[in-house]
Protein backbone atom coordinates (compact mmCIF):
# COMPACT_ATOMS: atom_id res chain seq x y z
CA MET A 1 -15.93 -21.52 15.67
CA LYS A 2 -12.52 -23.38 15.46
CA ILE A 3 -10.88 -25.29 12.54
CA ARG A 4 -7.53 -26.74 12.00
CA LEU A 5 -5.59 -26.27 8.66
CA GLY A 6 -2.63 -28.63 8.99
CA ASN A 7 -0.84 -27.96 12.22
CA LYS A 8 -2.53 -24.42 12.40
CA LEU A 9 -5.38 -23.85 14.91
CA CYS A 10 -7.63 -21.28 13.20
CA ILE A 11 -10.70 -19.14 14.93
CA VAL A 12 -13.32 -18.00 13.03
CA LEU A 13 -14.96 -14.98 14.29
CA GLY A 14 -18.64 -15.00 13.14
CA THR A 15 -20.13 -11.91 14.49
CA SER A 16 -19.35 -8.23 14.50
CA SER A 17 -19.33 -8.20 18.56
CA ALA A 18 -16.84 -11.13 18.34
CA ALA A 19 -14.40 -9.34 16.10
CA LYS A 20 -14.78 -5.99 18.15
CA GLU A 21 -14.03 -7.98 21.09
CA VAL A 22 -10.67 -9.49 19.46
CA LEU A 23 -9.47 -6.41 17.42
CA LYS A 24 -10.37 -3.74 19.67
CA ASP A 25 -11.06 -4.69 23.23
CA HIS A 26 -7.95 -7.00 23.58
CA ASP A 27 -6.18 -5.68 20.68
CA ILE A 28 -2.87 -6.34 22.54
CA THR A 29 -3.68 -9.92 23.42
CA PHE A 30 -4.43 -10.80 19.77
CA ALA A 31 -1.86 -8.66 18.16
CA ASN A 32 0.64 -10.73 16.77
CA HIS A 33 0.32 -12.42 13.34
CA ASP A 34 1.67 -15.80 12.72
CA PRO A 35 3.65 -15.02 9.56
CA THR A 36 3.75 -17.03 6.46
CA VAL A 37 7.01 -18.15 4.69
CA ALA A 38 6.35 -15.80 1.78
CA ALA A 39 5.71 -12.77 4.29
CA LEU A 40 9.08 -13.52 6.45
CA ALA A 41 10.80 -13.57 3.12
CA ALA A 42 9.30 -10.18 1.89
CA SER A 43 9.53 -8.29 5.17
CA TYR A 44 13.35 -9.13 5.83
CA GLY A 45 12.44 -11.44 8.46
CA GLY A 46 9.61 -9.29 10.19
CA MET A 47 11.09 -6.01 10.26
CA ASP A 48 7.85 -4.06 9.04
CA ILE A 49 4.81 -3.06 10.77
CA VAL A 50 2.31 -5.77 9.40
CA TRP A 51 4.62 -9.07 10.61
CA ALA A 52 6.84 -7.56 13.62
CA PRO A 53 5.78 -8.90 16.88
CA TYR A 54 3.98 -6.33 19.02
CA GLY A 55 6.81 -4.53 21.02
CA SER A 56 9.28 -1.74 20.82
CA GLN A 57 10.25 -2.07 17.14
CA TRP A 58 6.41 -2.17 16.03
CA ARG A 59 5.72 0.73 18.09
CA MET A 60 8.66 2.60 17.02
CA LEU A 61 7.53 1.83 13.12
CA ARG A 62 4.05 2.69 13.68
CA LYS A 63 4.87 6.20 15.47
CA VAL A 64 6.76 7.12 12.56
CA CYS A 65 4.36 6.52 10.18
CA ILE A 66 1.66 8.04 12.18
CA HIS A 67 3.68 11.00 13.15
CA GLN A 68 5.24 11.81 9.80
CA LEU A 69 3.85 10.38 6.87
CA MET A 70 0.16 10.16 7.83
CA SER A 71 0.09 13.68 9.66
CA ASN A 72 -2.34 16.21 8.48
CA ASN A 73 0.74 18.25 7.40
CA SER A 74 2.32 15.48 5.56
CA LEU A 75 -1.02 14.85 3.78
CA ASP A 76 -1.64 18.48 2.97
CA VAL A 77 2.04 18.91 1.53
CA CYS A 78 1.04 16.00 -0.74
CA SER A 79 -2.25 17.22 -2.09
CA LEU A 80 -0.76 18.72 -5.26
CA LEU A 81 0.93 15.22 -6.18
CA ARG A 82 -2.46 13.49 -5.48
CA ARG A 83 -4.30 16.12 -7.67
CA ARG A 84 -1.70 15.78 -10.58
CA GLU A 85 -2.00 12.12 -10.71
CA VAL A 86 -5.70 11.88 -10.54
CA ARG A 87 -6.22 14.28 -13.19
CA LYS A 88 -3.46 12.59 -15.36
CA MET A 89 -5.66 9.47 -14.81
CA VAL A 90 -8.87 11.08 -15.89
CA ALA A 91 -7.33 12.80 -18.56
CA HIS A 92 -6.05 9.43 -20.17
CA ILE A 93 -9.28 7.66 -19.62
CA HIS A 94 -11.38 10.68 -21.37
CA ALA A 95 -9.14 10.31 -24.35
CA LYS A 96 -10.28 6.78 -24.83
CA ILE A 97 -14.03 7.26 -25.06
CA GLY A 98 -15.47 4.68 -27.27
CA GLU A 99 -12.67 2.23 -26.56
CA THR A 100 -12.15 -0.63 -24.16
CA ILE A 101 -10.00 0.29 -21.29
CA ASN A 102 -8.51 -1.49 -18.55
CA ILE A 103 -9.76 0.61 -15.48
CA ARG A 104 -7.75 -1.40 -12.92
CA GLU A 105 -4.26 -0.63 -14.72
CA GLN A 106 -5.28 3.11 -14.69
CA ILE A 107 -6.40 3.32 -11.02
CA TYR A 108 -3.43 1.24 -9.80
CA ALA A 109 -0.63 3.42 -11.95
CA ALA A 110 -2.40 6.35 -10.20
CA ILE A 111 -2.23 5.05 -6.82
CA LEU A 112 1.09 3.82 -7.03
CA ASN A 113 2.62 7.03 -8.14
CA VAL A 114 0.93 9.00 -5.49
CA ILE A 115 2.30 6.42 -2.92
CA THR A 116 6.07 6.30 -4.28
CA GLY A 117 5.86 10.14 -4.68
CA MET A 118 5.15 10.55 -0.98
CA LEU A 119 7.67 7.96 -0.07
CA TRP A 120 10.92 9.14 -1.98
CA GLY A 121 9.58 12.47 -3.96
CA ASP A 122 11.70 13.61 -6.85
CA THR A 123 14.82 11.57 -6.26
CA VAL A 124 13.71 9.93 -9.53
CA LYS A 125 12.73 11.95 -12.30
CA GLY A 126 11.59 12.08 -15.80
CA GLU A 127 11.70 8.98 -17.95
CA GLU A 128 13.89 6.93 -15.11
CA PHE A 129 10.84 7.65 -13.04
CA SER A 130 8.38 5.94 -15.43
CA CYS A 131 10.99 3.05 -15.86
CA THR A 132 11.48 2.53 -12.25
CA GLY A 133 7.92 2.96 -11.39
CA ALA A 134 7.02 0.12 -14.14
CA LYS A 135 9.70 -2.27 -12.72
CA PHE A 136 8.59 -1.66 -9.23
CA ARG A 137 4.95 -2.24 -10.41
CA CYS A 138 5.69 -5.50 -11.87
CA LEU A 139 7.43 -7.00 -8.82
CA ILE A 140 4.87 -5.74 -6.48
CA ASP A 141 2.37 -7.53 -8.47
CA GLU A 142 4.39 -10.63 -8.73
CA MET A 143 4.68 -10.33 -4.65
CA VAL A 144 1.03 -9.97 -4.28
CA GLU A 145 0.14 -12.95 -6.34
CA ILE A 146 2.71 -14.99 -4.27
CA PHE A 147 1.24 -13.91 -1.08
CA ARG A 148 -2.20 -14.80 -2.39
CA LYS A 149 -1.03 -18.47 -2.94
CA PRO A 150 -1.84 -21.35 -0.37
CA ASN A 151 1.43 -22.77 0.97
CA VAL A 152 1.88 -26.24 2.21
CA SER A 153 4.81 -24.96 4.17
CA ASP A 154 2.49 -22.71 6.11
CA LEU A 155 0.13 -25.31 6.96
CA PHE A 156 3.21 -28.12 8.02
CA PRO A 157 6.13 -25.78 9.26
CA ILE A 158 8.26 -29.01 9.32
CA LEU A 159 7.79 -28.99 5.57
CA ALA A 160 8.99 -25.38 5.04
CA ARG A 161 12.87 -26.40 4.71
CA PHE A 162 11.99 -27.96 1.32
CA ASP A 163 9.92 -25.39 -0.13
CA ILE A 164 7.79 -27.70 -1.92
CA GLN A 165 6.01 -25.25 -4.25
CA GLY A 166 8.73 -22.78 -4.45
CA LEU A 167 6.99 -19.78 -3.20
CA ALA A 168 9.88 -18.73 -0.79
CA ARG A 169 12.70 -18.99 -3.60
CA GLN A 170 10.15 -16.87 -5.64
CA MET A 171 9.48 -14.28 -2.98
CA LYS A 172 13.42 -13.99 -2.29
CA ARG A 173 13.96 -13.25 -6.03
CA CYS A 174 11.39 -10.36 -6.10
CA VAL A 175 12.85 -9.02 -2.83
CA LEU A 176 16.26 -9.20 -4.26
CA LEU A 177 15.06 -7.14 -7.23
CA VAL A 178 13.19 -4.79 -5.16
CA ASP A 179 16.01 -4.49 -3.08
CA GLN A 180 18.42 -3.05 -6.40
CA ILE A 181 15.73 -0.52 -7.02
CA LEU A 182 15.23 0.60 -3.23
CA ASP A 183 19.06 0.59 -2.61
CA ALA A 184 19.68 2.84 -5.57
CA ILE A 185 16.90 5.30 -4.37
CA ILE A 186 18.11 5.35 -0.80
CA ASP A 187 21.84 5.93 -2.09
CA ARG A 188 20.95 8.80 -4.36
CA ASN A 189 18.66 10.27 -1.81
CA GLN A 190 21.57 10.19 0.74
CA LYS A 191 23.82 11.77 -1.68
CA GLU A 192 21.52 14.70 -2.66
CA GLY A 193 20.44 15.40 0.77
CA SER A 194 19.41 18.91 1.59
CA SER A 195 19.78 20.03 -2.01
CA LYS A 196 16.57 18.17 -2.80
CA GLU A 197 13.79 19.89 -4.00
CA SER A 198 10.95 18.04 -1.74
CA LYS A 199 11.11 16.83 1.78
CA ASP A 200 9.83 13.38 1.31
CA PHE A 201 9.52 10.44 3.94
CA LEU A 202 12.67 8.85 2.85
CA GLN A 203 14.54 11.96 3.81
CA PHE A 204 13.01 12.05 7.28
CA LEU A 205 13.70 8.33 7.95
CA LEU A 206 17.40 8.62 6.85
CA ARG A 207 17.88 11.60 9.13
CA LEU A 208 16.38 9.50 11.90
CA MET A 209 18.63 6.53 10.94
CA GLU A 210 21.70 8.88 10.89
CA GLN A 211 20.52 10.52 14.57
CA GLY A 212 20.45 6.74 15.97
CA ASP A 213 18.56 5.57 19.02
CA PRO A 214 20.57 3.11 20.67
CA LYS A 215 17.59 1.36 22.18
CA MET A 216 16.04 0.93 18.96
CA PRO A 217 17.96 1.83 15.75
CA LEU A 218 16.42 2.28 12.60
CA THR A 219 18.12 0.33 9.83
CA THR A 220 17.72 0.38 5.90
CA ALA A 221 16.04 -3.15 6.16
CA HIS A 222 13.26 -1.33 8.37
CA ILE A 223 13.21 1.25 5.84
CA LYS A 224 12.62 -1.02 2.83
CA ALA A 225 10.21 -3.30 4.71
CA LEU A 226 8.16 -0.33 5.77
CA PHE A 227 8.11 0.79 1.88
CA LEU A 228 6.96 -2.62 0.60
CA ASP A 229 4.35 -2.63 3.32
CA LEU A 230 2.72 0.79 2.17
CA THR A 231 3.15 -0.01 -1.60
CA VAL A 232 1.45 -3.48 -1.23
CA ALA A 233 -1.19 -2.33 1.20
CA GLY A 234 -1.95 1.19 -0.35
CA THR A 235 -2.28 -0.34 -3.65
CA ASP A 236 -3.92 -3.89 -3.25
CA THR A 237 -6.61 -2.47 -1.43
CA THR A 238 -7.61 0.75 -3.40
CA TRP A 239 -7.82 -0.48 -6.84
CA PRO A 240 -10.07 -3.45 -6.14
CA THR A 241 -12.33 -1.33 -4.26
CA SER A 242 -12.74 0.94 -7.00
CA GLU A 243 -12.72 -1.29 -9.83
CA TRP A 244 -15.44 -3.34 -8.09
CA ALA A 245 -17.49 -0.05 -7.10
CA MET A 246 -17.45 0.97 -10.87
CA ALA A 247 -18.36 -2.73 -12.20
CA GLU A 248 -21.21 -2.74 -9.66
CA ILE A 249 -22.64 0.95 -10.50
CA MET A 250 -22.61 -0.29 -14.20
CA GLN A 251 -24.92 -2.88 -13.32
CA GLN A 252 -27.42 -0.25 -11.84
CA PRO A 253 -28.32 2.56 -14.07
CA ALA A 254 -30.42 4.25 -11.62
CA VAL A 255 -27.78 4.39 -9.32
CA MET A 256 -25.07 5.58 -11.84
CA ARG A 257 -27.56 8.34 -12.66
CA ARG A 258 -28.39 9.44 -9.10
CA ALA A 259 -24.52 9.63 -8.69
CA GLN A 260 -24.05 11.67 -12.05
CA GLU A 261 -26.82 14.22 -10.92
CA GLU A 262 -24.93 14.61 -7.64
CA LEU A 263 -21.65 15.15 -9.50
CA GLU A 264 -23.51 17.74 -11.74
CA GLN A 265 -25.09 19.71 -8.57
CA VAL A 266 -21.70 19.66 -6.38
CA VAL A 267 -19.19 19.79 -8.93
CA GLY A 268 -20.64 21.10 -12.31
CA MET A 269 -20.33 19.66 -15.71
CA ASN A 270 -17.28 21.75 -16.77
CA HIS A 271 -15.41 21.35 -13.44
CA THR A 272 -13.11 18.57 -11.98
CA VAL A 273 -13.77 17.03 -8.80
CA GLU A 274 -11.40 18.33 -6.30
CA GLU A 275 -10.88 16.72 -2.77
CA SER A 276 -12.80 19.70 -1.36
CA HIS A 277 -15.79 18.48 -2.88
CA LEU A 278 -15.56 14.96 -1.24
CA PRO A 279 -17.43 15.83 2.06
CA LYS A 280 -20.51 17.34 0.00
CA LEU A 281 -20.67 14.07 -2.28
CA LYS A 282 -22.83 12.06 0.16
CA TYR A 283 -24.39 9.73 -2.51
CA LEU A 284 -21.23 8.91 -4.04
CA ASP A 285 -19.77 8.31 -0.68
CA ALA A 286 -22.63 5.92 0.28
CA VAL A 287 -22.10 4.11 -3.48
CA VAL A 288 -18.43 3.38 -2.57
CA LYS A 289 -19.41 2.10 0.89
């Protein structure tokens, strides 16, 4: 089905077979996204993975992520970080038994701490880490809200210069504040260099930038755009899934009991769930799906 939204022609895929044909069989043909005004502002003009057109720059960024950040070795190195943040979240929730809690905030904070820990490691420590993380989280929240708002400038590009709803101005203000945070972290990481305790993703990217590829140089704008991709995509997908799964399971007492029984059998009442348990928790996996 095709529909026209303003000047934009949109095709709606109504079946899984049609989606497979577009997203898998003919992926390269349909690979490019039409960036929104807010997306262009947030991605430094399309210098990230999400909005960059398919080509050498996109392939370079994808290769960097897959081979360095998403590799089995990198994920293994970060296992202690994930374990620490999840345990901290569970302990905080356990201490609030009998009280009303905002589970979204707890999950979101844990995920963001894991992602930023993987990205820039121990560059920021102690109270400064908490303060920087809180500022960063507020800005990411605001950017996601701007992304979600329909913008007349996207439907009628001729009006984009007027920014009628002010969304481009709002996004640019957020990006300017994010810039200040990321520039400070990048600058500190460059100064610490090899003396750093952990080898994080930022160190790898800075080393790649120093080496320089004349055909496709990596810049600080690429790094910052990539970091925004990873934090927005990593948080705004995971916490809603977790929150909705918990909301739904609370409406299904029989399902909750069965999930609890599986946890008791596989993990035990006096033990904490570890990542090694996950392949054995078949029913819990089905509940989340």
